Protein backbone atom coordinates (compact mmCIF):
# COMPACT_ATOMS: atom_id res chain seq x y z
CA MET A 1 1.35 -4.87 -7.13
CA GLU A 2 3.56 -7.34 -8.36
CA ALA A 3 7.01 -8.37 -6.88
CA LEU A 4 9.22 -6.79 -9.52
CA SER A 5 12.53 -7.60 -8.02
CA PRO A 6 13.58 -10.69 -5.76
CA THR A 7 13.96 -8.65 -2.48
CA MET A 8 10.88 -6.14 -3.29
CA GLU A 9 8.47 -5.99 -0.43
CA GLU A 10 6.74 -2.68 -1.56
CA GLY A 11 6.88 -0.37 -4.50
CA LYS A 12 6.13 3.42 -4.99
CA VAL A 13 3.83 4.25 -7.92
CA LEU A 14 5.85 6.95 -9.89
CA THR A 15 3.85 7.49 -12.91
CA TRP A 16 0.68 6.12 -14.49
CA HIS A 17 0.96 5.71 -18.20
CA LYS A 18 -2.68 4.76 -18.63
CA ALA A 19 -5.72 6.69 -17.34
CA GLU A 20 -9.15 5.50 -15.97
CA GLY A 21 -11.31 4.48 -19.08
CA ASP A 22 -8.20 3.79 -21.42
CA ALA A 23 -8.34 0.69 -23.24
CA VAL A 24 -5.57 -1.93 -22.08
CA ALA A 25 -3.95 -4.85 -24.09
CA GLU A 26 -2.18 -7.67 -22.18
CA GLY A 27 1.64 -6.55 -21.89
CA ASP A 28 0.79 -3.03 -21.87
CA ILE A 29 2.84 -0.57 -19.57
CA LEU A 30 0.45 0.51 -17.00
CA ALA A 31 2.73 2.47 -14.63
CA GLU A 32 6.55 3.15 -13.63
CA VAL A 33 7.25 1.76 -10.19
CA GLU A 34 10.15 2.37 -7.94
CA THR A 35 11.37 -0.76 -6.23
CA ASP A 36 14.16 -1.41 -3.74
CA LYS A 37 16.82 -1.32 -6.70
CA ALA A 38 15.28 0.27 -9.70
CA VAL A 39 12.31 1.97 -11.46
CA MET A 40 10.40 -1.05 -13.08
CA GLU A 41 7.58 -1.12 -15.50
CA LEU A 42 4.09 -2.45 -14.16
CA GLN A 43 2.53 -4.49 -16.85
CA ALA A 44 -1.21 -5.40 -17.58
CA ARG A 45 -1.66 -9.13 -17.13
CA GLY A 46 -4.93 -9.02 -18.97
CA ALA A 47 -7.02 -7.00 -21.70
CA GLY A 48 -9.95 -4.78 -20.80
CA VAL A 49 -10.54 -1.14 -19.87
CA LEU A 50 -8.65 0.31 -16.91
CA ARG A 51 -12.03 1.02 -14.84
CA LYS A 52 -10.18 2.00 -11.56
CA ILE A 53 -6.94 3.41 -10.11
CA LEU A 54 -6.70 2.60 -6.44
CA ALA A 55 -2.96 3.75 -5.96
CA GLN A 56 -2.12 7.26 -7.05
CA GLU A 57 1.04 8.50 -8.22
CA GLY A 58 3.35 8.65 -5.04
CA ALA A 59 1.96 5.99 -3.35
CA THR A 60 3.75 3.22 -1.62
CA VAL A 61 1.86 -0.22 -1.87
CA GLU A 62 2.67 -3.37 -0.45
CA VAL A 63 3.37 -6.55 -2.79
CA GLY A 64 0.20 -8.26 -3.32
CA SER A 65 -1.86 -4.82 -2.70
CA LEU A 66 -4.33 -3.84 -4.93
CA VAL A 67 -3.40 -0.76 -7.53
CA ALA A 68 -5.87 -0.89 -10.22
CA VAL A 69 -8.89 -2.92 -11.82
CA ILE A 70 -8.88 -3.98 -15.22
CA ALA A 71 -12.16 -5.35 -16.60
CA ALA A 72 -14.71 -5.12 -19.38
CA PRO A 73 -16.52 -2.29 -19.93
CA ASP A 74 -19.68 -2.96 -18.91
CA GLU A 75 -18.75 -5.39 -16.27
CA ASP A 76 -20.14 -5.15 -12.85
CA LEU A 77 -17.50 -4.77 -10.36
CA GLY A 78 -19.65 -5.13 -7.50
CA GLU A 79 -20.26 -2.16 -5.11
CA GLU A 80 -19.30 -3.92 -2.31
CA GLU A 81 -16.00 -5.02 -3.55
CA GLY A 82 -15.04 -1.56 -5.11
CA GLN A 83 -15.45 0.08 -1.71
CA ASP A 84 -13.47 -2.07 0.29
CA ASP A 85 -10.63 -1.98 -2.69
CA SER A 86 -11.13 1.93 -2.50
CA GLY A 87 -11.18 2.05 1.39
CA ARG A 88 -8.06 -0.07 1.51
CA ALA A 89 -6.29 2.19 -1.10
CA ALA A 90 -7.50 5.34 0.60
CA GLU A 91 -5.69 4.40 3.98
CA ARG A 92 -2.75 3.53 2.50
CA GLN A 93 -3.00 6.78 0.24
CA ASP A 94 -3.51 8.84 3.22
CA ASP A 95 -0.13 7.97 4.75
CA SER A 96 1.89 7.82 1.74
CA GLY A 97 0.32 11.41 0.65
CA ARG A 98 1.17 13.06 3.91
CA ALA A 99 4.86 11.53 3.39
CA ALA A 100 4.81 12.78 -0.35
CA GLU A 101 3.92 16.26 0.97
CA ARG A 102 6.73 16.21 3.35
CA GLN A 103 9.13 15.38 0.81
CA LYS A 104 8.04 18.07 -1.63
CA MET A 105 8.16 20.60 1.01
CA ALA A 106 11.80 19.57 1.78
CA THR A 107 13.21 18.83 -1.65
CA GLU A 108 11.07 21.29 -3.92
CA PRO A 109 13.91 23.67 -4.79
CA ALA A 110 16.60 21.05 -5.76
CA ALA A 111 16.75 19.47 -9.31
CA PRO A 112 14.71 16.59 -9.55
CA SER A 113 16.49 13.02 -9.04
CA ALA A 114 16.58 10.30 -11.64
CA PRO A 115 13.91 8.15 -10.14
CA SER A 116 11.59 11.13 -9.22
CA ALA A 117 7.99 11.41 -10.54
CA PRO A 118 8.61 14.50 -12.67
CA SER A 119 11.19 13.16 -15.01
CA ALA A 120 9.80 9.76 -15.53
CA PRO A 121 7.42 10.68 -18.50
CA SER A 122 10.12 12.16 -20.46
CA ALA A 123 12.38 9.25 -20.06
CA PRO A 124 11.17 6.35 -22.23
CA SER A 125 12.56 2.76 -21.46
CA ALA A 126 15.15 1.03 -23.86
CA ALA A 127 12.49 -1.38 -24.97
CA ARG A 128 10.33 1.32 -26.32
CA THR A 129 12.73 3.48 -27.71
CA LYS A 130 12.63 3.63 -31.49
CA SER A 131 16.12 3.23 -33.13
CA SER A 132 17.82 1.80 -36.31
CA PRO A 133 19.20 -1.93 -36.14
CA LEU A 134 22.83 -0.03 -36.83
CA ALA A 135 22.26 2.43 -34.10
CA ARG A 136 21.06 -0.28 -31.72
CA ARG A 137 24.44 -2.42 -32.60
CA LEU A 138 26.67 0.89 -32.32
CA ALA A 139 25.18 1.68 -28.77
CA ALA A 140 25.57 -2.00 -27.78
CA GLU A 141 29.36 -1.89 -28.74
CA ARG A 142 30.09 1.53 -26.78
CA GLY A 143 27.74 0.87 -23.83
CA ILE A 144 25.53 3.60 -24.73
CA ASP A 145 21.90 3.38 -23.20
CA LEU A 146 19.65 4.29 -26.06
CA ALA A 147 16.97 5.71 -23.86
CA SER A 148 19.31 8.77 -22.87
CA VAL A 149 19.95 9.58 -26.76
CA ARG A 150 17.98 12.20 -28.44
CA GLY A 151 16.94 10.69 -31.83
CA THR A 152 17.03 12.87 -35.12
CA GLY A 153 15.61 10.23 -37.52
CA PRO A 154 11.98 10.28 -38.82
CA GLY A 155 9.50 10.34 -35.87
CA GLY A 156 12.13 10.62 -33.33
CA ARG A 157 13.88 7.67 -34.29
CA ILE A 158 17.59 7.08 -32.92
CA ILE A 159 20.12 6.60 -36.01
CA LYS A 160 23.94 6.26 -36.50
CA ARG A 161 24.78 9.75 -36.09
CA ASP A 162 22.57 10.11 -32.99
CA VAL A 163 24.75 7.23 -31.21
CA GLU A 164 28.01 8.48 -32.48
CA GLY A 165 27.41 11.96 -31.19
CA ALA A 166 26.02 10.61 -27.84
CA GLU A 167 28.66 11.28 -24.97
CA LEU A 168 28.99 8.50 -22.30
CA VAL A 169 30.43 9.45 -18.94
CA ALA A 170 30.20 6.32 -17.11
CA GLU A 171 32.60 7.08 -14.12
CA ALA A 172 31.53 10.64 -12.95
CA PRO A 173 30.72 10.63 -9.43
CA MET A 174 26.88 11.30 -8.50
CA PRO A 175 26.15 14.37 -6.68
CA ALA A 176 25.06 14.11 -3.23
CA PRO A 177 21.46 14.56 -2.54
CA ILE A 178 20.42 18.10 -1.81
CA VAL A 179 17.86 18.44 0.83
CA ALA A 180 16.47 21.77 0.88
CA GLY A 181 15.40 23.50 4.35
CA VAL A 182 11.99 24.89 5.13
CA PRO A 183 12.04 28.19 6.20
CA GLY A 184 11.49 28.56 10.12
CA ALA A 185 11.78 24.69 10.83
CA ASP A 186 14.03 23.34 13.10
CA PHE A 187 14.21 20.07 11.19
CA ASN A 188 12.97 18.29 7.82
CA ASP A 189 11.66 14.76 7.79
CA VAL A 190 12.36 13.27 4.47
CA PRO A 191 10.50 9.74 3.92
CA LEU A 192 12.95 6.94 3.04
CA SER A 193 13.31 5.95 -0.52
CA GLN A 194 12.79 2.19 -1.56
CA ILE A 195 16.49 1.92 -2.26
CA ARG A 196 17.58 3.74 0.94
CA LYS A 197 15.35 1.33 3.00
CA THR A 198 16.87 -1.74 1.53
CA ILE A 199 20.31 -0.31 2.11
CA ALA A 200 19.51 -0.11 5.97
CA LYS A 201 18.08 -3.48 6.02
CA ARG A 202 21.11 -5.18 4.16
CA LEU A 203 23.68 -3.24 6.45
CA VAL A 204 22.18 -4.54 9.67
CA GLN A 205 22.28 -7.96 7.91
CA SER A 206 25.81 -7.71 7.18
CA LEU A 207 27.78 -5.88 9.91
CA GLY A 208 25.71 -7.49 12.82
CA PRO A 209 25.68 -11.33 11.98
CA VAL A 210 28.88 -11.41 9.60
CA PRO A 211 32.17 -11.37 11.28
CA HIS A 212 34.17 -8.91 9.17
CA PHE A 213 38.03 -8.69 9.07
CA PHE A 214 40.17 -6.24 6.90
CA LEU A 215 43.40 -6.80 5.02
CA THR A 216 45.13 -3.97 3.21
CA THR A 217 48.05 -3.75 0.52
CA GLU A 218 49.52 -0.89 -1.34
CA VAL A 219 50.15 -1.34 -5.14
CA ASP A 220 52.31 0.05 -7.52
CA MET A 221 50.24 1.43 -10.37
CA GLU A 222 52.86 2.81 -12.81
CA ARG A 223 52.88 -0.26 -15.25
CA ALA A 224 49.00 -0.03 -15.03
CA ALA A 225 48.87 3.39 -15.76
CA ASP A 226 51.24 2.80 -18.92
CA THR A 227 49.12 0.07 -19.81
CA ARG A 228 45.98 2.01 -19.77
CA ALA A 229 47.46 5.22 -21.64
CA ALA A 230 48.68 3.02 -24.29
CA LEU A 231 45.46 1.11 -24.93
CA ASN A 232 43.68 4.51 -24.81
CA ALA A 233 45.87 6.15 -27.40
CA LEU A 234 44.71 3.27 -29.98
CA GLU A 235 41.19 5.21 -29.95
CA GLN A 236 39.82 2.14 -30.70
CA GLY A 237 36.47 0.59 -28.52
CA PRO A 238 35.43 2.10 -25.38
CA ARG A 239 38.18 3.80 -23.08
CA ILE A 240 39.88 1.90 -20.36
CA SER A 241 39.37 3.27 -16.90
CA TYR A 242 41.73 1.92 -13.81
CA ASN A 243 38.50 0.39 -12.45
CA ASP A 244 38.07 -1.74 -15.72
CA ILE A 245 41.82 -2.87 -15.20
CA ILE A 246 41.11 -3.70 -11.63
CA MET A 247 37.99 -5.58 -12.39
CA LYS A 248 39.64 -7.65 -14.74
CA VAL A 249 42.62 -8.58 -12.34
CA VAL A 250 40.12 -9.46 -9.50
CA ALA A 251 38.17 -11.73 -11.88
CA ILE A 252 41.43 -13.62 -12.86
CA ALA A 253 42.61 -13.85 -9.29
CA LEU A 254 39.23 -15.14 -8.17
CA ARG A 255 39.85 -18.06 -10.52
CA GLN A 256 43.12 -18.80 -9.02
CA HIS A 257 41.56 -18.50 -5.61
CA PRO A 258 38.24 -20.25 -5.53
CA ALA A 259 38.14 -20.09 -1.74
CA CYS A 260 37.30 -16.44 -2.03
CA ASN A 261 34.76 -16.78 -4.77
CA ALA A 262 32.19 -18.10 -2.32
CA TRP A 263 28.84 -17.69 -0.52
CA TRP A 264 28.15 -18.33 3.20
CA GLN A 265 24.87 -20.45 3.34
CA ASP A 266 24.23 -21.04 7.01
CA ASP A 267 24.83 -24.84 6.94
CA HIS A 268 27.49 -24.94 4.11
CA VAL A 269 29.63 -23.13 1.84
CA ARG A 270 29.19 -22.60 -1.83
CA TYR A 271 31.98 -22.35 -3.86
CA PHE A 272 31.66 -20.94 -7.47
CA GLU A 273 33.46 -22.16 -10.77
CA ARG A 274 32.22 -18.88 -12.42
CA VAL A 275 33.02 -15.30 -11.54
CA HIS A 276 30.03 -12.86 -11.36
CA LEU A 277 31.66 -9.48 -10.11
CA GLY A 278 29.56 -7.14 -8.25
CA MET A 279 30.53 -3.48 -9.24
CA ALA A 280 29.34 -0.93 -6.52
CA VAL A 281 27.66 2.18 -8.41
CA ALA A 282 26.73 5.16 -6.43
CA VAL A 283 23.39 6.65 -7.27
CA GLU A 284 21.79 9.89 -6.27
CA ASP A 285 19.68 7.97 -3.52
CA GLY A 286 22.34 5.29 -2.25
CA LEU A 287 24.31 2.36 -3.85
CA ILE A 288 23.41 -0.30 -6.07
CA THR A 289 25.92 -3.08 -7.10
CA PRO A 290 25.16 -4.43 -10.66
CA VAL A 291 27.01 -7.63 -12.05
CA ILE A 292 29.11 -8.54 -14.77
CA ARG A 293 28.74 -12.00 -15.45
CA ASP A 294 31.50 -14.67 -16.24
CA ALA A 295 34.14 -11.76 -15.77
CA HIS A 296 36.73 -14.30 -15.74
CA LEU A 297 36.13 -15.12 -19.29
CA LYS A 298 35.69 -11.46 -20.83
CA SER A 299 38.15 -9.30 -22.40
CA LEU A 300 39.20 -5.92 -20.83
CA ARG A 301 37.30 -4.23 -23.74
CA GLU A 302 34.09 -6.49 -23.09
CA ILE A 303 34.51 -5.39 -19.12
CA ALA A 304 34.88 -1.56 -19.96
CA GLN A 305 32.02 -1.53 -22.58
CA GLU A 306 29.78 -3.75 -19.84
CA SER A 307 30.85 -1.63 -16.98
CA LYS A 308 29.88 1.73 -18.48
CA ALA A 309 26.60 0.32 -19.73
CA LEU A 310 25.64 -0.97 -16.26
CA ALA A 311 26.76 2.09 -14.69
CA ASP A 312 24.56 4.27 -16.87
CA ARG A 313 21.37 2.01 -16.47
CA ALA A 314 21.93 1.93 -12.60
CA ARG A 315 22.04 5.73 -12.14
CA ASP A 316 19.07 6.01 -14.51
CA ARG A 317 17.11 3.26 -12.36
CA LYS A 318 16.86 1.11 -15.17
CA LEU A 319 18.45 -2.10 -14.07
CA THR A 320 16.52 -5.49 -14.28
CA PRO A 321 16.82 -7.85 -11.37
CA GLU A 322 18.98 -10.10 -13.47
CA GLU A 323 21.58 -7.26 -13.71
CA TYR A 324 22.03 -6.55 -10.11
CA THR A 325 21.57 -10.21 -8.61
CA GLY A 326 23.98 -12.93 -8.15
CA ALA A 327 27.36 -11.51 -7.65
CA THR A 328 29.86 -14.00 -6.27
CA PHE A 329 32.18 -11.25 -5.12
CA SER A 330 32.20 -7.32 -5.32
CA VAL A 331 34.74 -4.51 -5.97
CA SER A 332 33.81 -0.91 -4.47
CA ASN A 333 35.71 2.11 -5.84
CA LEU A 334 35.84 5.51 -4.12
CA GLY A 335 39.07 6.33 -5.80
CA MET A 336 37.41 9.26 -7.95
CA PHE A 337 36.62 10.99 -4.56
CA ASN A 338 40.26 11.20 -3.65
CA ILE A 339 39.67 8.62 -0.54
CA ASP A 340 43.03 7.37 0.29
CA GLN A 341 41.63 3.96 1.77
CA PHE A 342 38.37 2.84 3.14
CA THR A 343 36.80 -0.41 4.19
CA ALA A 344 33.72 -1.78 2.46
CA VAL A 345 30.76 -3.80 4.06
CA ILE A 346 30.29 -7.24 2.63
CA ASN A 347 27.13 -7.99 0.60
CA PRO A 348 25.70 -11.24 2.02
CA PRO A 349 25.78 -14.10 1.20
CA GLU A 350 29.29 -13.07 -0.65
CA ALA A 351 32.20 -13.67 1.47
CA GLY A 352 34.49 -10.59 0.34
CA ILE A 353 34.61 -7.39 -1.18
CA ILE A 354 37.64 -5.18 -2.37
CA ALA A 355 37.48 -1.36 -1.59
CA VAL A 356 39.66 0.53 -4.06
CA GLY A 357 41.33 3.81 -3.02
CA THR A 358 42.64 6.97 -5.21
CA ILE A 359 45.94 6.64 -7.18
CA ALA A 360 48.30 9.03 -5.85
CA GLU A 361 51.95 10.16 -6.34
CA LYS A 362 53.92 9.29 -3.58
CA PRO A 363 57.68 9.24 -2.47
CA VAL A 364 58.91 5.51 -1.96
CA ALA A 365 61.94 3.57 -1.62
CA TRP A 366 62.58 2.07 -5.02
CA ASP A 367 65.64 0.07 -6.09
CA GLY A 368 67.51 1.59 -3.40
CA GLU A 369 66.25 5.24 -3.99
CA VAL A 370 63.64 7.49 -3.20
CA VAL A 371 61.56 8.25 -5.95
CA VAL A 372 57.83 9.29 -6.66
CA ARG A 373 55.64 6.52 -7.97
CA LYS A 374 51.81 6.02 -8.65
CA ARG A 375 50.56 4.04 -5.76
CA MET A 376 47.06 2.92 -4.68
CA ARG A 377 45.64 1.13 -1.55
CA LEU A 378 43.25 -1.90 -1.78
CA THR A 379 41.41 -3.18 1.20
CA MET A 380 39.64 -6.52 1.04
CA SER A 381 36.71 -7.10 3.63
CA CYS A 382 36.52 -10.91 4.72
CA ASP A 383 33.75 -12.77 6.04
CA HIS A 384 35.86 -14.80 8.56
CA ARG A 385 33.66 -17.84 8.59
CA VAL A 386 34.51 -18.66 4.92
CA ILE A 387 37.92 -16.80 4.43
CA ASP A 388 40.63 -17.28 6.60
CA GLY A 389 43.62 -14.55 7.31
CA ALA A 390 46.11 -16.58 5.08
CA THR A 391 43.52 -17.19 2.26
CA GLY A 392 42.57 -13.48 1.87
CA ALA A 393 46.36 -12.52 2.02
CA ALA A 394 47.24 -14.97 -0.78
CA PHE A 395 44.48 -13.68 -2.91
CA LEU A 396 45.07 -9.99 -2.37
CA GLN A 397 48.79 -10.92 -2.86
CA THR A 398 47.84 -12.25 -6.36
CA VAL A 399 45.55 -9.23 -7.23
CA ASN A 400 48.89 -7.04 -6.11
CA GLN A 401 51.26 -8.63 -8.25
CA MET A 402 48.92 -8.91 -11.38
CA LEU A 403 48.28 -5.01 -11.10
CA GLU A 404 51.93 -4.21 -10.99
CA ASN A 405 52.62 -6.64 -13.71
CA PRO A 406 49.34 -5.98 -16.07
CA LEU A 407 50.55 -8.09 -18.87
CA VAL A 408 49.34 -11.05 -17.02
CA MET A 409 45.75 -10.07 -18.03
CA VAL A 410 46.51 -11.46 -21.88
CA TRP A 411 48.06 -14.80 -20.87
């Protein structure tokens, strides 16, 4: 079992793409593995025959443990070595098998989730998806994951009309996980997924050691709403969401306030010259934060394209480690759930995160009159070891002013 992500300690085998006795070439996809962040492909590092599978589908295996043996057809594996390997795998499989059975009992009536084993064989990765060059270019421009598109060309090849007909819903909230009860049982024990285990560890690492404090401001979003409506009326390129506008503004503001674009590093603070913006995305089994790199250099259209593509890949558990690591600051948006205001937990070693509430029409005092305006609350969580109150307040004030005057995005 390889470490398929920087923080991976164990992986769950979802699907084997090779069977015992199959010929294997170096680089072939052997299996799909659920890591702490995504579903990744386990590749063969040598050629030969898949002589033995030691970790069956559903097994959770520690990094570095044996999952299979590739050897020459007539190569003697050694009886003692094979028994030892099988014994160790059997012990691991016994525990994971019982956990998998409990999970099946608790969730069988529900629709399978994106990373579940039943759906894996029918969702080929983008790297293996047959598509025309034009289709790939259109998909990249529109933020469409080709693995989610049905091809109508020869041999199932994805062509231009398939991409043009594909619908991309990047901001639709994920449904809450459904846990079905077992008749007659007082409770149901559902084993933790890899992503849920990681979330638990990260929360302990953040809320315990990191001294949080919070700053909240309310933003008038009338001009931002007008700007978004005008851009979307052009019907050119991707549709612009409020979150895209917020991400763009936050990236610009971080360049003006580099003290907030930083990591705590125990014996020093690392201040970044580039803005790599994390974007919290709700997936069915938790939360993941894909990263828009060099967000301060990208146009609003580019941010819209990339955020939609990353959100889709996150929900399909297809992000690569490079796509969800290295953020210098993050944004979390629960406005689509009609949440007025909340506080987000900092993702260490980042020093801050902004929580975005819903945009609602409210009666406010405006130019000496009471009028109804579109308003939105932002709450910034700050690591007090890096960001002082005045520093965070100045940054949040800049974000506020830019959202209320969105033309600054084109300066």
